[in-house]
Amino acid sequence: MIVPETSARFNVFVTLIYIIIICYKYIHSHYLRSQRLLIRWYFVANPKVLDDKIEY
């Protein structure tokens, strides 16, 4: 009785960690992509920001 319970719990634990890792990778890559696009669009819309940063 003890062995199948622990193995089932272990399998559930491993699958949960696996799903969390996949979700984290997907969210992280999507977040980086959106951040790059946002930064690009921000500098395209406001080119003076780059000049101000270069002056300082």
PDB file of N, CA and C in Angstrom:
ATOM      1  N   MET A   1       0.829  -1.210   0.000  1.00  0.00           N
ATOM      2  CA  MET A   1       0.000   0.000   0.000  1.00  0.00           C
ATOM      3  C   MET A   1       0.864   1.261   0.000  1.00  0.00           C
ATOM      4  N   ILE A   2       1.996   1.193   0.695  1.00  0.00           N
ATOM      5  CA  ILE A   2       2.803   2.415   0.838  1.00  0.00           C
ATOM      6  C   ILE A   2       3.475   2.767  -0.490  1.00  0.00           C
ATOM      7  N   VAL A   3       3.984   1.773  -1.191  1.00  0.00           N
ATOM      8  CA  VAL A   3       4.768   2.058  -2.394  1.00  0.00           C
ATOM      9  C   VAL A   3       3.920   2.700  -3.490  1.00  0.00           C
ATOM     10  N   PRO A   4       2.733   2.169  -3.852  1.00  0.00           N
ATOM     11  CA  PRO A   4       1.960   2.819  -4.913  1.00  0.00           C
ATOM     12  C   PRO A   4       1.504   4.219  -4.541  1.00  0.00           C
ATOM     13  N   GLU A   5       1.184   4.447  -3.256  1.00  0.00           N
ATOM     14  CA  GLU A   5       0.770   5.799  -2.854  1.00  0.00           C
ATOM     15  C   GLU A   5       1.917   6.788  -3.058  1.00  0.00           C
ATOM     16  N   THR A   6       3.102   6.421  -2.589  1.00  0.00           N
ATOM     17  CA  THR A   6       4.237   7.334  -2.727  1.00  0.00           C
ATOM     18  C   THR A   6       4.588   7.527  -4.198  1.00  0.00           C
ATOM     19  N   SER A   7       4.523   6.467  -4.994  1.00  0.00           N
ATOM     20  CA  SER A   7       4.852   6.608  -6.410  1.00  0.00           C
ATOM     21  C   SER A   7       3.815   7.483  -7.117  1.00  0.00           C
ATOM     22  N   ALA A   8       2.539   7.330  -6.756  1.00  0.00           N
ATOM     23  CA  ALA A   8       1.502   8.163  -7.368  1.00  0.00           C
ATOM     24  C   ALA A   8       1.709   9.622  -6.981  1.00  0.00           C
ATOM     25  N   ARG A   9       1.971   9.852  -5.705  1.00  0.00           N
ATOM     26  CA  ARG A   9       2.228  11.236  -5.273  1.00  0.00           C
ATOM     27  C   ARG A   9       3.453  11.799  -5.992  1.00  0.00           C
ATOM     28  N   PHE A  10       4.482  10.971  -6.116  1.00  0.00           N
ATOM     29  CA  PHE A  10       5.699  11.416  -6.786  1.00  0.00           C
ATOM     30  C   PHE A  10       5.416  11.745  -8.250  1.00  0.00           C
ATOM     31  N   ASN A  11       4.615  10.912  -8.907  1.00  0.00           N
ATOM     32  CA  ASN A  11       4.276  11.175 -10.306  1.00  0.00           C
ATOM     33  C   ASN A  11       3.498  12.474 -10.440  1.00  0.00           C
ATOM     34  N   VAL A  12       2.530  12.693  -9.551  1.00  0.00           N
ATOM     35  CA  VAL A  12       1.761  13.939  -9.593  1.00  0.00           C
ATOM     36  C   VAL A  12       2.689  15.123  -9.366  1.00  0.00           C
ATOM     37  N   PHE A  13       3.601  14.991  -8.392  1.00  0.00           N
ATOM     38  CA  PHE A  13       4.541  16.069  -8.092  1.00  0.00           C
ATOM     39  C   PHE A  13       5.408  16.388  -9.307  1.00  0.00           C
ATOM     40  N   VAL A  14       5.942  15.350  -9.943  1.00  0.00           N
ATOM     41  CA  VAL A  14       6.819  15.551 -11.102  1.00  0.00           C
ATOM     42  C   VAL A  14       6.050  16.187 -12.252  1.00  0.00           C
ATOM     43  N   THR A  15       4.824  15.710 -12.484  1.00  0.00           N
ATOM     44  CA  THR A  15       4.042  16.285 -13.584  1.00  0.00           C
ATOM     45  C   THR A  15       3.705  17.741 -13.301  1.00  0.00           C
ATOM     46  N   LEU A  16       3.400  18.066 -12.048  1.00  0.00           N
ATOM     47  CA  LEU A  16       3.110  19.463 -11.708  1.00  0.00           C
ATOM     48  C   LEU A  16       4.338  20.334 -11.943  1.00  0.00           C
ATOM     49  N   ILE A  17       5.503  19.870 -11.502  1.00  0.00           N
ATOM     50  CA  ILE A  17       6.733  20.648 -11.715  1.00  0.00           C
ATOM     51  C   ILE A  17       7.004  20.817 -13.208  1.00  0.00           C
ATOM     52  N   TYR A  18       6.768  19.737 -13.977  1.00  0.00           N
ATOM     53  CA  TYR A  18       7.002  19.800 -15.419  1.00  0.00           C
ATOM     54  C   TYR A  18       6.089  20.829 -16.072  1.00  0.00           C
ATOM     55  N   ILE A  19       4.803  20.819 -15.685  1.00  0.00           N
ATOM     56  CA  ILE A  19       3.847  21.785 -16.252  1.00  0.00           C
ATOM     57  C   ILE A  19       4.235  23.201 -15.853  1.00  0.00           C
ATOM     58  N   ILE A  20       4.640  23.377 -14.593  1.00  0.00           N
ATOM     59  CA  ILE A  20       5.018  24.723 -14.135  1.00  0.00           C
ATOM     60  C   ILE A  20       6.227  25.221 -14.915  1.00  0.00           C
ATOM     61  N   ILE A  21       7.207  24.337 -15.154  1.00  0.00           N
ATOM     62  CA  ILE A  21       8.404  24.752 -15.899  1.00  0.00           C
ATOM     63  C   ILE A  21       8.028  25.142 -17.326  1.00  0.00           C
ATOM     64  N   ILE A  22       7.158  24.353 -17.961  1.00  0.00           N
ATOM     65  CA  ILE A  22       6.760  24.675 -19.337  1.00  0.00           C
ATOM     66  C   ILE A  22       6.030  26.014 -19.372  1.00  0.00           C
ATOM     67  N   CYS A  23       5.098  26.209 -18.428  1.00  0.00           N
ATOM     68  CA  CYS A  23       4.355  27.474 -18.392  1.00  0.00           C
ATOM     69  C   CYS A  23       5.308  28.636 -18.141  1.00  0.00           C
ATOM     70  N   TYR A  24       6.287  28.443 -17.235  1.00  0.00           N
ATOM     71  CA  TYR A  24       7.221  29.520 -16.937  1.00  0.00           C
ATOM     72  C   TYR A  24       8.047  29.878 -18.166  1.00  0.00           C
ATOM     73  N   LYS A  25       8.528  28.856 -18.880  1.00  0.00           N
ATOM     74  CA  LYS A  25       9.318  29.141 -20.082  1.00  0.00           C
ATOM     75  C   LYS A  25       8.476  29.886 -21.113  1.00  0.00           C
ATOM     76  N   TYR A  26       7.233  29.428 -21.310  1.00  0.00           N
ATOM     77  CA  TYR A  26       6.374  30.074 -22.305  1.00  0.00           C
ATOM     78  C   TYR A  26       6.085  31.515 -21.903  1.00  0.00           C
ATOM     79  N   ILE A  27       5.722  31.721 -20.625  1.00  0.00           N
ATOM     80  CA  ILE A  27       5.400  33.084 -20.177  1.00  0.00           C
ATOM     81  C   ILE A  27       6.645  33.962 -20.249  1.00  0.00           C
ATOM     82  N   HIS A  28       7.806  33.409 -19.859  1.00  0.00           N
ATOM     83  CA  HIS A  28       9.033  34.201 -19.851  1.00  0.00           C
ATOM     84  C   HIS A  28       9.415  34.620 -21.268  1.00  0.00           C
ATOM     85  N   SER A  29       9.353  33.689 -22.213  1.00  0.00           N
ATOM     86  CA  SER A  29       9.707  34.030 -23.593  1.00  0.00           C
ATOM     87  C   SER A  29       8.699  35.022 -24.166  1.00  0.00           C
ATOM     88  N   HIS A  30       7.416  34.809 -23.883  1.00  0.00           N
ATOM     89  CA  HIS A  30       6.395  35.735 -24.377  1.00  0.00           C
ATOM     90  C   HIS A  30       6.594  37.114 -23.758  1.00  0.00           C
ATOM     91  N   TYR A  31       6.944  37.148 -22.455  1.00  0.00           N
ATOM     92  CA  TYR A  31       7.153  38.425 -21.778  1.00  0.00           C
ATOM     93  C   TYR A  31       8.350  39.159 -22.380  1.00  0.00           C
ATOM     94  N   LEU A  32       9.437  38.439 -22.628  1.00  0.00           N
ATOM     95  CA  LEU A  32      10.603  39.089 -23.224  1.00  0.00           C
ATOM     96  C   LEU A  32      10.268  39.625 -24.609  1.00  0.00           C
ATOM     97  N   ARG A  33       9.521  38.839 -25.394  1.00  0.00           N
ATOM     98  CA  ARG A  33       9.163  39.277 -26.739  1.00  0.00           C
ATOM     99  C   ARG A  33       8.307  40.536 -26.669  1.00  0.00           C
ATOM    100  N   SER A  34       7.314  40.543 -25.779  1.00  0.00           N
ATOM    101  CA  SER A  34       6.439  41.708 -25.676  1.00  0.00           C
ATOM    102  C   SER A  34       7.226  42.914 -25.172  1.00  0.00           C
ATOM    103  N   GLN A  35       8.168  42.691 -24.237  1.00  0.00           N
ATOM    104  CA  GLN A  35       8.969  43.810 -23.749  1.00  0.00           C
ATOM    105  C   GLN A  35       9.811  44.401 -24.876  1.00  0.00           C
ATOM    106  N   ARG A  36      10.420  43.552 -25.688  1.00  0.00           N
ATOM    107  CA  ARG A  36      11.220  44.062 -26.808  1.00  0.00           C
ATOM    108  C   ARG A  36      10.356  44.875 -27.753  1.00  0.00           C
ATOM    109  N   LEU A  37       9.164  44.344 -28.065  1.00  0.00           N
ATOM    110  CA  LEU A  37       8.279  45.070 -28.976  1.00  0.00           C
ATOM    111  C   LEU A  37       7.857  46.399 -28.363  1.00  0.00           C
ATOM    112  N   LEU A  38       7.543  46.385 -27.062  1.00  0.00           N
ATOM    113  CA  LEU A  38       7.122  47.627 -26.409  1.00  0.00           C
ATOM    114  C   LEU A  38       8.253  48.646 -26.425  1.00  0.00           C
ATOM    115  N   ILE A  39       9.472  48.202 -26.113  1.00  0.00           N
ATOM    116  CA  ILE A  39      10.604  49.137 -26.101  1.00  0.00           C
ATOM    117  C   ILE A  39      10.845  49.684 -27.503  1.00  0.00           C
ATOM    118  N   ARG A  40      10.756  48.805 -28.503  1.00  0.00           N
ATOM    119  CA  ARG A  40      10.982  49.243 -29.883  1.00  0.00           C
ATOM    120  C   ARG A  40       9.935  50.278 -30.283  1.00  0.00           C
ATOM    121  N   TRP A  41       8.662  49.963 -30.012  1.00  0.00           N
ATOM    122  CA  TRP A  41       7.603  50.902 -30.383  1.00  0.00           C
ATOM    123  C   TRP A  41       7.741  52.204 -29.606  1.00  0.00           C
ATOM    124  N   TYR A  42       8.174  52.121 -28.338  1.00  0.00           N
ATOM    125  CA  TYR A  42       8.320  53.337 -27.539  1.00  0.00           C
ATOM    126  C   TYR A  42       9.388  54.249 -28.145  1.00  0.00           C
ATOM    127  N   PHE A  43      10.522  53.667 -28.542  1.00  0.00           N
ATOM    128  CA  PHE A  43      11.584  54.487 -29.123  1.00  0.00           C
ATOM    129  C   PHE A  43      11.213  54.974 -30.518  1.00  0.00           C
ATOM    130  N   VAL A  44      10.429  54.179 -31.257  1.00  0.00           N
ATOM    131  CA  VAL A  44       9.992  54.648 -32.574  1.00  0.00           C
ATOM    132  C   VAL A  44       9.029  55.815 -32.413  1.00  0.00           C
ATOM    133  N   ALA A  45       8.156  55.731 -31.407  1.00  0.00           N
ATOM    134  CA  ALA A  45       7.181  56.799 -31.192  1.00  0.00           C
ATOM    135  C   ALA A  45       7.841  58.026 -30.572  1.00  0.00           C
ATOM    136  N   ASN A  46       8.860  57.820 -29.709  1.00  0.00           N
ATOM    137  CA  ASN A  46       9.516  58.939 -29.027  1.00  0.00           C
ATOM    138  C   ASN A  46      11.016  58.895 -29.308  1.00  0.00           C
ATOM    139  N   PRO A  47      11.457  59.368 -30.464  1.00  0.00           N
ATOM    140  CA  PRO A  47      12.902  59.319 -30.746  1.00  0.00           C
ATOM    141  C   PRO A  47      13.704  60.269 -29.880  1.00  0.00           C
ATOM    142  N   LYS A  48      13.051  61.303 -29.306  1.00  0.00           N
ATOM    143  CA  LYS A  48      13.801  62.248 -28.470  1.00  0.00           C
ATOM    144  C   LYS A  48      14.281  61.606 -27.176  1.00  0.00           C
ATOM    145  N   VAL A  49      13.635  60.526 -26.740  1.00  0.00           N
ATOM    146  CA  VAL A  49      14.060  59.873 -25.501  1.00  0.00           C
ATOM    147  C   VAL A  49      15.498  59.377 -25.638  1.00  0.00           C
ATOM    148  N   LEU A  50      15.837  58.829 -26.795  1.00  0.00           N
ATOM    149  CA  LEU A  50      17.205  58.359 -27.006  1.00  0.00           C
ATOM    150  C   LEU A  50      18.190  59.523 -26.943  1.00  0.00           C
ATOM    151  N   ASP A  51      17.837  60.654 -27.538  1.00  0.00           N
ATOM    152  CA  ASP A  51      18.735  61.807 -27.500  1.00  0.00           C
ATOM    153  C   ASP A  51      18.936  62.282 -26.067  1.00  0.00           C
ATOM    154  N   ASP A  52      17.844  62.326 -25.284  1.00  0.00           N
ATOM    155  CA  ASP A  52      17.991  62.736 -23.887  1.00  0.00           C
ATOM    156  C   ASP A  52      18.907  61.780 -23.134  1.00  0.00           C
ATOM    157  N   LYS A  53      18.737  60.460 -23.364  1.00  0.00           N
ATOM    158  CA  LYS A  53      19.586  59.506 -22.652  1.00  0.00           C
ATOM    159  C   LYS A  53      21.032  59.645 -23.098  1.00  0.00           C
ATOM    160  N   ILE A  54      21.263  59.925 -24.365  1.00  0.00           N
ATOM    161  CA  ILE A  54      22.640  60.069 -24.843  1.00  0.00           C
ATOM    162  C   ILE A  54      23.265  61.334 -24.249  1.00  0.00           C
ATOM    163  N   GLU A  55      22.488  62.403 -24.129  1.00  0.00           N
ATOM    164  CA  GLU A  55      23.041  63.629 -23.547  1.00  0.00           C
ATOM    165  C   GLU A  55      23.445  63.401 -22.098  1.00  0.00           C
ATOM    166  N   TYR A  56      22.587  62.716 -21.331  1.00  0.00           N
ATOM    167  CA  TYR A  56      22.933  62.471 -19.935  1.00  0.00           C
ATOM    168  C   TYR A  56      24.015  61.398 -19.865  1.00  0.00           C
TER     169      TYR A  56
END
